[in-house]
Amino acid sequence: MCLAVPAKIISLEDSVAEVDLNGTTYKASVMLTPEAKVGDYVLLHTGYAIQVIDEKDALETLEIFKQMEML
């Protein structure tokens, strides 16, 4: 099973984005999502932004992950 997590793009240079995931930043390729821009949420999988997603959906998913940490 594969898992992709929502991350917010905080900077973008060419095809490499810096994304924020719960306060930790990572570099991610946006070659698969050329429409992505700073401020967008993307689904991040193995270092690649594979889909631009709605902010509401991203925040809802992140909240679910946060709740799972409490178990």
C-alpha atoms as a PDB file:
ATOM      1  CA  MET A   1       0.000   0.000   0.000  1.00  0.00           C
ATOM      2  CA  CYS A   2       1.245   3.488  -0.837  1.00  0.00           C
ATOM      3  CA  LEU A   3       0.580   6.627   1.128  1.00  0.00           C
ATOM      4  CA  ALA A   4       0.594  10.219  -0.076  1.00  0.00           C
ATOM      5  CA  VAL A   5       0.340  13.056   2.426  1.00  0.00           C
ATOM      6  CA  PRO A   6      -0.810  16.653   1.980  1.00  0.00           C
ATOM      7  CA  ALA A   7       1.923  19.286   2.102  1.00  0.00           C
ATOM      8  CA  LYS A   8       1.838  23.028   1.440  1.00  0.00           C
ATOM      9  CA  ILE A   9       4.200  24.579  -1.099  1.00  0.00           C
ATOM     10  CA  ILE A  10       6.112  27.413   0.557  1.00  0.00           C
ATOM     11  CA  SER A  11       8.597  28.154  -2.215  1.00  0.00           C
ATOM     12  CA  LEU A  12       9.155  27.075  -5.780  1.00  0.00           C
ATOM     13  CA  GLU A  13      12.191  27.196  -8.032  1.00  0.00           C
ATOM     14  CA  ASP A  14      11.992  25.599 -11.459  1.00  0.00           C
ATOM     15  CA  SER A  15      10.597  22.117 -10.856  1.00  0.00           C
ATOM     16  CA  VAL A  16      11.584  21.857  -7.180  1.00  0.00           C
ATOM     17  CA  ALA A  17       9.292  22.998  -4.394  1.00  0.00           C
ATOM     18  CA  GLU A  18       9.976  23.449  -0.728  1.00  0.00           C
ATOM     19  CA  VAL A  19       6.962  22.019   1.072  1.00  0.00           C
ATOM     20  CA  ASP A  20       5.816  22.189   4.673  1.00  0.00           C
ATOM     21  CA  LEU A  21       4.518  19.059   6.317  1.00  0.00           C
ATOM     22  CA  ASN A  22       3.450  19.663   9.894  1.00  0.00           C
ATOM     23  CA  GLY A  23       6.267  22.141  10.533  1.00  0.00           C
ATOM     24  CA  THR A  24       9.010  20.171   8.775  1.00  0.00           C
ATOM     25  CA  THR A  25      10.181  21.254   5.336  1.00  0.00           C
ATOM     26  CA  TYR A  26      11.155  18.989   2.481  1.00  0.00           C
ATOM     27  CA  LYS A  27      12.227  19.379  -1.135  1.00  0.00           C
ATOM     28  CA  ALA A  28       9.794  17.877  -3.627  1.00  0.00           C
ATOM     29  CA  SER A  29       9.660  17.597  -7.369  1.00  0.00           C
ATOM     30  CA  VAL A  30       6.678  19.240  -9.074  1.00  0.00           C
ATOM     31  CA  MET A  31       7.475  17.771 -12.501  1.00  0.00           C
ATOM     32  CA  LEU A  32       4.205  15.787 -12.320  1.00  0.00           C
ATOM     33  CA  THR A  33       2.189  18.850 -11.263  1.00  0.00           C
ATOM     34  CA  PRO A  34       3.405  21.778 -13.386  1.00  0.00           C
ATOM     35  CA  GLU A  35       0.282  23.767 -12.438  1.00  0.00           C
ATOM     36  CA  ALA A  36       1.310  23.817  -8.751  1.00  0.00           C
ATOM     37  CA  LYS A  37       2.170  27.206  -7.259  1.00  0.00           C
ATOM     38  CA  VAL A  38       3.264  28.673  -3.924  1.00  0.00           C
ATOM     39  CA  GLY A  39       0.451  28.358  -1.393  1.00  0.00           C
ATOM     40  CA  ASP A  40      -1.068  25.260  -3.002  1.00  0.00           C
ATOM     41  CA  TYR A  41      -1.472  21.980  -1.172  1.00  0.00           C
ATOM     42  CA  VAL A  42      -0.169  18.930  -2.975  1.00  0.00           C
ATOM     43  CA  LEU A  43      -0.220  15.212  -2.297  1.00  0.00           C
ATOM     44  CA  LEU A  44       3.376  14.246  -1.624  1.00  0.00           C
ATOM     45  CA  HIS A  45       4.560  10.726  -2.396  1.00  0.00           C
ATOM     46  CA  THR A  46       8.218   9.627  -2.307  1.00  0.00           C
ATOM     47  CA  GLY A  47       9.470  13.140  -2.969  1.00  0.00           C
ATOM     48  CA  TYR A  48       7.044  13.944  -5.768  1.00  0.00           C
ATOM     49  CA  ALA A  49       4.002  16.187  -5.732  1.00  0.00           C
ATOM     50  CA  ILE A  50       1.551  13.913  -7.528  1.00  0.00           C
ATOM     51  CA  GLN A  51      -1.617  16.023  -7.354  1.00  0.00           C
ATOM     52  CA  VAL A  52      -2.720  19.534  -6.403  1.00  0.00           C
ATOM     53  CA  ILE A  53      -5.531  19.291  -3.853  1.00  0.00           C
ATOM     54  CA  ASP A  54      -8.102  21.589  -2.306  1.00  0.00           C
ATOM     55  CA  GLU A  55      -7.004  23.318   0.925  1.00  0.00           C
ATOM     56  CA  LYS A  56     -10.130  22.138   2.774  1.00  0.00           C
ATOM     57  CA  ASP A  57      -9.423  18.503   1.902  1.00  0.00           C
ATOM     58  CA  ALA A  58      -5.750  18.876   2.816  1.00  0.00           C
ATOM     59  CA  LEU A  59      -6.504  20.362   6.236  1.00  0.00           C
ATOM     60  CA  GLU A  60      -9.155  17.723   6.926  1.00  0.00           C
ATOM     61  CA  THR A  61      -6.700  14.947   6.104  1.00  0.00           C
ATOM     62  CA  LEU A  62      -3.968  16.496   8.238  1.00  0.00           C
ATOM     63  CA  GLU A  63      -6.416  16.721  11.151  1.00  0.00           C
ATOM     64  CA  ILE A  64      -7.216  13.016  10.788  1.00  0.00           C
ATOM     65  CA  PHE A  65      -3.493  12.197  10.843  1.00  0.00           C
ATOM     66  CA  LYS A  66      -3.108  14.337  13.969  1.00  0.00           C
ATOM     67  CA  GLN A  67      -5.939  12.426  15.674  1.00  0.00           C
ATOM     68  CA  MET A  68      -4.321   9.102  14.762  1.00  0.00           C
ATOM     69  CA  GLU A  69      -1.153  10.164  16.593  1.00  0.00           C
ATOM     70  CA  MET A  70      -3.180  10.269  19.803  1.00  0.00           C
ATOM     71  CA  LEU A  71      -3.914   6.533  19.712  1.00  0.00           C
END
